[in-house]
Amino acid sequence: VTLATIVPAGTMVGAEKGVRAAFAYAYKIVATLAPLYFLFITQGRAHYFARTVRHGGAKYFVSKRTVSTGHVPLHEAYATYAQSHLYPAVDILVILAVGATHAHHTDFGALTWMIWFIAASWVVTPFLYNVQAVETATVLADARALARWLGAPPREDATPFDSWATWWAEQHLQRTQAGWAAPAFMSV
């Protein structure tokens, strides 16, 4: 993924500004962890496209292309990215871990390192690009907000960021409205 995104742009920069500028450009891309962000955005688009095909009417959470200037609480990041990134990443990591324990090849890690990297990037990226995510006061405030979110009772006027139960109901609303035929057809 990294080479596929860096080589064309680096070649263009090299043709316009020289080889040294091209290497500086490639270093900047890797140092800012842009490939992680690219993988994250690509998974978001793929998830919502697949969900639209399966169930219809999927909602796309807009991902900004600018630097984040405000902290997003942990429960909001979880509610936003759980279905599209965190659950698939954990599924893939568990499958890889089981495969690693039962693999007869000694080079299992060498064969699957990119899949490990992609799944790990889906887990880490929402929190890596979150401003002030590692400050002690922010972590404690996030833990309190997460506990309130998990314990809040469902209400009719609540948003998915107000209550876990409301978020859960909204996530599964499309599946129940689509009926059994659409998911069954897509799985075949």
C-alpha atoms as a PDB file:
ATOM      1  CA  VAL A   1       0.000   0.000   0.000  1.00  0.00           C
ATOM      2  CA  THR A   2       2.766   2.405   0.920  1.00  0.00           C
ATOM      3  CA  LEU A   3       4.699   1.911  -2.311  1.00  0.00           C
ATOM      4  CA  ALA A   4       1.522   2.038  -4.376  1.00  0.00           C
ATOM      5  CA  THR A   5       0.714   5.494  -3.000  1.00  0.00           C
ATOM      6  CA  ILE A   6       4.233   6.924  -2.723  1.00  0.00           C
ATOM      7  CA  VAL A   7       5.873   5.870  -6.006  1.00  0.00           C
ATOM      8  CA  PRO A   8       3.576   7.722  -8.460  1.00  0.00           C
ATOM      9  CA  ALA A   9       3.516  10.926  -6.417  1.00  0.00           C
ATOM     10  CA  GLY A  10       7.225  10.650  -5.621  1.00  0.00           C
ATOM     11  CA  THR A  11       8.003  10.221  -9.315  1.00  0.00           C
ATOM     12  CA  MET A  12       6.024  13.352 -10.107  1.00  0.00           C
ATOM     13  CA  VAL A  13       7.834  15.335  -7.398  1.00  0.00           C
ATOM     14  CA  GLY A  14      11.150  13.936  -8.626  1.00  0.00           C
ATOM     15  CA  ALA A  15      10.437  15.029 -12.185  1.00  0.00           C
ATOM     16  CA  GLU A  16       9.424  18.515 -11.078  1.00  0.00           C
ATOM     17  CA  LYS A  17      11.873  19.245  -8.242  1.00  0.00           C
ATOM     18  CA  GLY A  18      14.604  16.617  -8.363  1.00  0.00           C
ATOM     19  CA  VAL A  19      15.521  13.325  -6.734  1.00  0.00           C
ATOM     20  CA  ARG A  20      16.341  14.799  -3.321  1.00  0.00           C
ATOM     21  CA  ALA A  21      12.898  16.426  -3.085  1.00  0.00           C
ATOM     22  CA  ALA A  22      11.296  13.111  -4.096  1.00  0.00           C
ATOM     23  CA  PHE A  23      13.048  11.255  -1.265  1.00  0.00           C
ATOM     24  CA  ALA A  24      12.098  14.042   1.162  1.00  0.00           C
ATOM     25  CA  TYR A  25       8.495  13.724  -0.007  1.00  0.00           C
ATOM     26  CA  ALA A  26       8.500   9.948   0.501  1.00  0.00           C
ATOM     27  CA  TYR A  27      10.026  10.347   3.973  1.00  0.00           C
ATOM     28  CA  LYS A  28       7.384  12.920   4.913  1.00  0.00           C
ATOM     29  CA  ILE A  29       4.585  10.597   3.797  1.00  0.00           C
ATOM     30  CA  VAL A  30       5.925   7.691   5.850  1.00  0.00           C
ATOM     31  CA  ALA A  31       6.839   9.826   8.899  1.00  0.00           C
ATOM     32  CA  THR A  32       3.331  11.289   9.166  1.00  0.00           C
ATOM     33  CA  LEU A  33       1.808   7.775   8.996  1.00  0.00           C
ATOM     34  CA  ALA A  34      -0.224   8.705   5.922  1.00  0.00           C
ATOM     35  CA  PRO A  35      -0.464   5.037   4.798  1.00  0.00           C
ATOM     36  CA  LEU A  36      -2.364   4.236   8.030  1.00  0.00           C
ATOM     37  CA  TYR A  37      -4.785   7.042   7.307  1.00  0.00           C
ATOM     38  CA  PHE A  38      -5.181   5.851   3.697  1.00  0.00           C
ATOM     39  CA  LEU A  39      -6.000   2.305   4.867  1.00  0.00           C
ATOM     40  CA  PHE A  40      -8.485   3.677   7.383  1.00  0.00           C
ATOM     41  CA  ILE A  41     -10.317   5.867   4.858  1.00  0.00           C
ATOM     42  CA  THR A  42     -10.381   3.061   2.290  1.00  0.00           C
ATOM     43  CA  GLN A  43     -11.949   0.656   4.801  1.00  0.00           C
ATOM     44  CA  GLY A  44     -14.584   3.241   5.724  1.00  0.00           C
ATOM     45  CA  ARG A  45     -15.609   3.698   2.114  1.00  0.00           C
ATOM     46  CA  ALA A  46     -15.601  -0.049   1.458  1.00  0.00           C
ATOM     47  CA  HIS A  47     -17.703  -0.764   4.546  1.00  0.00           C
ATOM     48  CA  TYR A  48     -20.378   1.792   3.747  1.00  0.00           C
ATOM     49  CA  PHE A  49     -20.500   0.779   0.084  1.00  0.00           C
ATOM     50  CA  ALA A  50     -20.956  -2.890   1.045  1.00  0.00           C
ATOM     51  CA  ARG A  51     -23.571  -1.971   3.623  1.00  0.00           C
ATOM     52  CA  THR A  52     -25.491   0.045   1.034  1.00  0.00           C
ATOM     53  CA  VAL A  53     -25.419  -2.898  -1.377  1.00  0.00           C
ATOM     54  CA  ARG A  54     -26.552  -5.333   1.334  1.00  0.00           C
ATOM     55  CA  HIS A  55     -29.163  -3.321   3.204  1.00  0.00           C
ATOM     56  CA  GLY A  56     -29.663  -0.048   1.331  1.00  0.00           C
ATOM     57  CA  GLY A  57     -29.624   3.451   2.770  1.00  0.00           C
ATOM     58  CA  ALA A  58     -26.316   3.284   4.605  1.00  0.00           C
ATOM     59  CA  LYS A  59     -25.110   6.429   6.319  1.00  0.00           C
ATOM     60  CA  TYR A  60     -21.561   7.598   5.741  1.00  0.00           C
ATOM     61  CA  PHE A  61     -19.742   9.241   8.618  1.00  0.00           C
ATOM     62  CA  VAL A  62     -17.787  12.057   7.025  1.00  0.00           C
ATOM     63  CA  SER A  63     -14.077  11.754   7.612  1.00  0.00           C
ATOM     64  CA  LYS A  64     -12.321  15.066   7.439  1.00  0.00           C
ATOM     65  CA  ARG A  65      -9.213  15.469   5.338  1.00  0.00           C
ATOM     66  CA  THR A  66      -7.718  18.078   7.632  1.00  0.00           C
ATOM     67  CA  VAL A  67      -5.844  17.841  10.886  1.00  0.00           C
ATOM     68  CA  SER A  68      -8.108  17.276  13.855  1.00  0.00           C
ATOM     69  CA  THR A  69      -8.304  20.331  16.075  1.00  0.00           C
ATOM     70  CA  GLY A  70     -10.559  18.950  18.767  1.00  0.00           C
ATOM     71  CA  HIS A  71     -10.557  15.846  20.904  1.00  0.00           C
ATOM     72  CA  VAL A  72     -13.199  13.218  20.152  1.00  0.00           C
ATOM     73  CA  PRO A  73     -14.297  11.326  23.273  1.00  0.00           C
ATOM     74  CA  LEU A  74     -13.585   7.594  23.320  1.00  0.00           C
ATOM     75  CA  HIS A  75     -17.257   6.584  23.261  1.00  0.00           C
ATOM     76  CA  GLU A  76     -17.894   8.747  20.184  1.00  0.00           C
ATOM     77  CA  ALA A  77     -14.884   7.273  18.361  1.00  0.00           C
ATOM     78  CA  TYR A  78     -16.074   3.771  19.271  1.00  0.00           C
ATOM     79  CA  ALA A  79     -19.655   4.484  18.183  1.00  0.00           C
ATOM     80  CA  THR A  80     -18.453   5.946  14.907  1.00  0.00           C
ATOM     81  CA  TYR A  81     -15.901   3.293  13.924  1.00  0.00           C
ATOM     82  CA  ALA A  82     -16.918   0.041  15.679  1.00  0.00           C
ATOM     83  CA  GLN A  83     -18.990  -1.500  12.879  1.00  0.00           C
ATOM     84  CA  SER A  84     -16.804  -0.292  10.033  1.00  0.00           C
ATOM     85  CA  HIS A  85     -13.285  -0.739  11.428  1.00  0.00           C
ATOM     86  CA  LEU A  86     -12.917  -2.189  14.921  1.00  0.00           C
ATOM     87  CA  TYR A  87     -15.090  -5.311  14.590  1.00  0.00           C
ATOM     88  CA  PRO A  88     -13.654  -6.391  11.214  1.00  0.00           C
ATOM     89  CA  ALA A  89     -10.109  -5.735  12.487  1.00  0.00           C
ATOM     90  CA  VAL A  90     -10.622  -7.853  15.593  1.00  0.00           C
ATOM     91  CA  ASP A  91     -12.156 -10.620  13.462  1.00  0.00           C
ATOM     92  CA  ILE A  92      -9.140 -10.605  11.151  1.00  0.00           C
ATOM     93  CA  LEU A  93      -6.641 -10.491  14.030  1.00  0.00           C
ATOM     94  CA  VAL A  94      -8.331 -13.437  15.778  1.00  0.00           C
ATOM     95  CA  ILE A  95      -8.344 -15.463  12.553  1.00  0.00           C
ATOM     96  CA  LEU A  96      -4.662 -14.658  12.012  1.00  0.00           C
ATOM     97  CA  ALA A  97      -3.808 -15.582  15.602  1.00  0.00           C
ATOM     98  CA  VAL A  98      -5.604 -18.917  15.276  1.00  0.00           C
ATOM     99  CA  GLY A  99      -3.908 -19.474  11.925  1.00  0.00           C
ATOM    100  CA  ALA A 100      -0.517 -18.687  13.455  1.00  0.00           C
ATOM    101  CA  THR A 101      -1.003 -21.257  16.196  1.00  0.00           C
ATOM    102  CA  HIS A 102      -2.000 -23.959  13.712  1.00  0.00           C
ATOM    103  CA  ALA A 103       0.286 -23.044  10.817  1.00  0.00           C
ATOM    104  CA  HIS A 104       2.722 -25.684   9.678  1.00  0.00           C
ATOM    105  CA  HIS A 105       4.785 -23.100   7.836  1.00  0.00           C
ATOM    106  CA  THR A 106       7.502 -21.332   9.771  1.00  0.00           C
ATOM    107  CA  ASP A 107       7.107 -18.287   7.533  1.00  0.00           C
ATOM    108  CA  PHE A 108       3.430 -17.624   8.382  1.00  0.00           C
ATOM    109  CA  GLY A 109       4.289 -14.150   9.667  1.00  0.00           C
ATOM    110  CA  ALA A 110       6.261 -13.347   6.531  1.00  0.00           C
ATOM    111  CA  LEU A 111       3.316 -14.434   4.382  1.00  0.00           C
ATOM    112  CA  THR A 112       0.663 -12.532   6.331  1.00  0.00           C
ATOM    113  CA  TRP A 113       2.485  -9.441   7.660  1.00  0.00           C
ATOM    114  CA  MET A 114       0.519  -7.045   5.454  1.00  0.00           C
ATOM    115  CA  ILE A 115      -2.820  -8.400   6.690  1.00  0.00           C
ATOM    116  CA  TRP A 116      -1.622  -8.001  10.295  1.00  0.00           C
ATOM    117  CA  PHE A 117      -0.575  -4.432   9.476  1.00  0.00           C
ATOM    118  CA  ILE A 118      -3.884  -3.534   7.822  1.00  0.00           C
ATOM    119  CA  ALA A 119      -5.993  -4.934  10.678  1.00  0.00           C
ATOM    120  CA  ALA A 120      -3.812  -3.255  13.296  1.00  0.00           C
ATOM    121  CA  SER A 121      -4.082   0.049  11.434  1.00  0.00           C
ATOM    122  CA  TRP A 122      -7.889  -0.134  11.548  1.00  0.00           C
ATOM    123  CA  VAL A 123      -7.723  -0.515  15.333  1.00  0.00           C
ATOM    124  CA  VAL A 124      -5.061   2.115  16.028  1.00  0.00           C
ATOM    125  CA  THR A 125      -5.815   4.919  13.549  1.00  0.00           C
ATOM    126  CA  PRO A 126      -8.998   6.389  15.122  1.00  0.00           C
ATOM    127  CA  PHE A 127      -7.143   6.822  18.389  1.00  0.00           C
ATOM    128  CA  LEU A 128      -3.757   7.739  16.896  1.00  0.00           C
ATOM    129  CA  TYR A 129      -5.131  10.809  15.140  1.00  0.00           C
ATOM    130  CA  ASN A 130      -7.218  11.891  18.145  1.00  0.00           C
ATOM    131  CA  VAL A 131      -5.877  15.096  19.673  1.00  0.00           C
ATOM    132  CA  GLN A 132      -4.933  14.905  23.382  1.00  0.00           C
ATOM    133  CA  ALA A 133      -5.804  11.208  23.560  1.00  0.00           C
ATOM    134  CA  VAL A 134      -2.908  10.349  25.882  1.00  0.00           C
ATOM    135  CA  GLU A 135      -3.131  13.165  28.427  1.00  0.00           C
ATOM    136  CA  THR A 136      -4.078  11.874  31.880  1.00  0.00           C
ATOM    137  CA  ALA A 137      -6.958  14.295  32.420  1.00  0.00           C
ATOM    138  CA  THR A 138      -8.394  13.501  28.989  1.00  0.00           C
ATOM    139  CA  VAL A 139      -8.097   9.740  29.541  1.00  0.00           C
ATOM    140  CA  LEU A 140      -9.937  10.022  32.867  1.00  0.00           C
ATOM    141  CA  ALA A 141     -12.650  12.226  31.349  1.00  0.00           C
ATOM    142  CA  ASP A 142     -13.015   9.733  28.473  1.00  0.00           C
ATOM    143  CA  ALA A 143     -13.348   6.833  30.934  1.00  0.00           C
ATOM    144  CA  ARG A 144     -16.101   8.657  32.840  1.00  0.00           C
ATOM    145  CA  ALA A 145     -17.906   9.566  29.605  1.00  0.00           C
ATOM    146  CA  LEU A 146     -17.625   5.953  28.385  1.00  0.00           C
ATOM    147  CA  ALA A 147     -19.120   4.663  31.659  1.00  0.00           C
ATOM    148  CA  ARG A 148     -22.005   7.172  31.368  1.00  0.00           C
ATOM    149  CA  TRP A 149     -22.547   6.188  27.708  1.00  0.00           C
ATOM    150  CA  LEU A 150     -22.614   2.468  28.520  1.00  0.00           C
ATOM    151  CA  GLY A 151     -24.971   2.942  31.488  1.00  0.00           C
ATOM    152  CA  ALA A 152     -27.370   5.484  30.001  1.00  0.00           C
ATOM    153  CA  PRO A 153     -30.900   4.145  29.470  1.00  0.00           C
ATOM    154  CA  PRO A 154     -32.326   4.279  25.937  1.00  0.00           C
ATOM    155  CA  ARG A 155     -34.558   7.261  25.196  1.00  0.00           C
ATOM    156  CA  GLU A 156     -36.632   8.164  22.169  1.00  0.00           C
ATOM    157  CA  ASP A 157     -34.856  11.485  21.618  1.00  0.00           C
ATOM    158  CA  ALA A 158     -31.331  10.194  22.292  1.00  0.00           C
ATOM    159  CA  THR A 159     -28.582  10.218  19.682  1.00  0.00           C
ATOM    160  CA  PRO A 160     -26.163   7.314  19.248  1.00  0.00           C
ATOM    161  CA  PHE A 161     -23.572   9.342  21.167  1.00  0.00           C
ATOM    162  CA  ASP A 162     -25.886   9.667  24.195  1.00  0.00           C
ATOM    163  CA  SER A 163     -26.505   5.998  24.950  1.00  0.00           C
ATOM    164  CA  TRP A 164     -24.994   2.658  24.016  1.00  0.00           C
ATOM    165  CA  ALA A 165     -28.467   1.130  23.738  1.00  0.00           C
ATOM    166  CA  THR A 166     -29.548   3.822  21.274  1.00  0.00           C
ATOM    167  CA  TRP A 167     -26.373   3.308  19.245  1.00  0.00           C
ATOM    168  CA  TRP A 168     -26.922  -0.471  19.194  1.00  0.00           C
ATOM    169  CA  ALA A 169     -30.532  -0.113  18.057  1.00  0.00           C
ATOM    170  CA  GLU A 170     -29.546   2.278  15.254  1.00  0.00           C
ATOM    171  CA  GLN A 171     -26.745  -0.003  14.057  1.00  0.00           C
ATOM    172  CA  HIS A 172     -29.126  -2.931  13.711  1.00  0.00           C
ATOM    173  CA  LEU A 173     -32.109  -0.983  12.375  1.00  0.00           C
ATOM    174  CA  GLN A 174     -31.086  -1.358   8.732  1.00  0.00           C
ATOM    175  CA  ARG A 175     -30.603  -5.099   9.102  1.00  0.00           C
ATOM    176  CA  THR A 176     -34.064  -5.565  10.551  1.00  0.00           C
ATOM    177  CA  GLN A 177     -35.680  -3.305   7.953  1.00  0.00           C
ATOM    178  CA  ALA A 178     -33.988  -5.131   5.077  1.00  0.00           C
ATOM    179  CA  GLY A 179     -35.566  -8.417   6.114  1.00  0.00           C
ATOM    180  CA  TRP A 180     -33.929 -11.811   5.824  1.00  0.00           C
ATOM    181  CA  ALA A 181     -33.768 -12.024   2.022  1.00  0.00           C
ATOM    182  CA  ALA A 182     -31.112  -9.348   1.286  1.00  0.00           C
ATOM    183  CA  PRO A 183     -28.463 -10.637   3.715  1.00  0.00           C
ATOM    184  CA  ALA A 184     -29.190 -14.237   2.778  1.00  0.00           C
ATOM    185  CA  PHE A 185     -28.827 -13.439  -0.938  1.00  0.00           C
ATOM    186  CA  MET A 186     -25.575 -11.516  -0.360  1.00  0.00           C
ATOM    187  CA  SER A 187     -24.038 -14.339   1.653  1.00  0.00           C
ATOM    188  CA  VAL A 188     -24.662 -16.819  -1.156  1.00  0.00           C
END
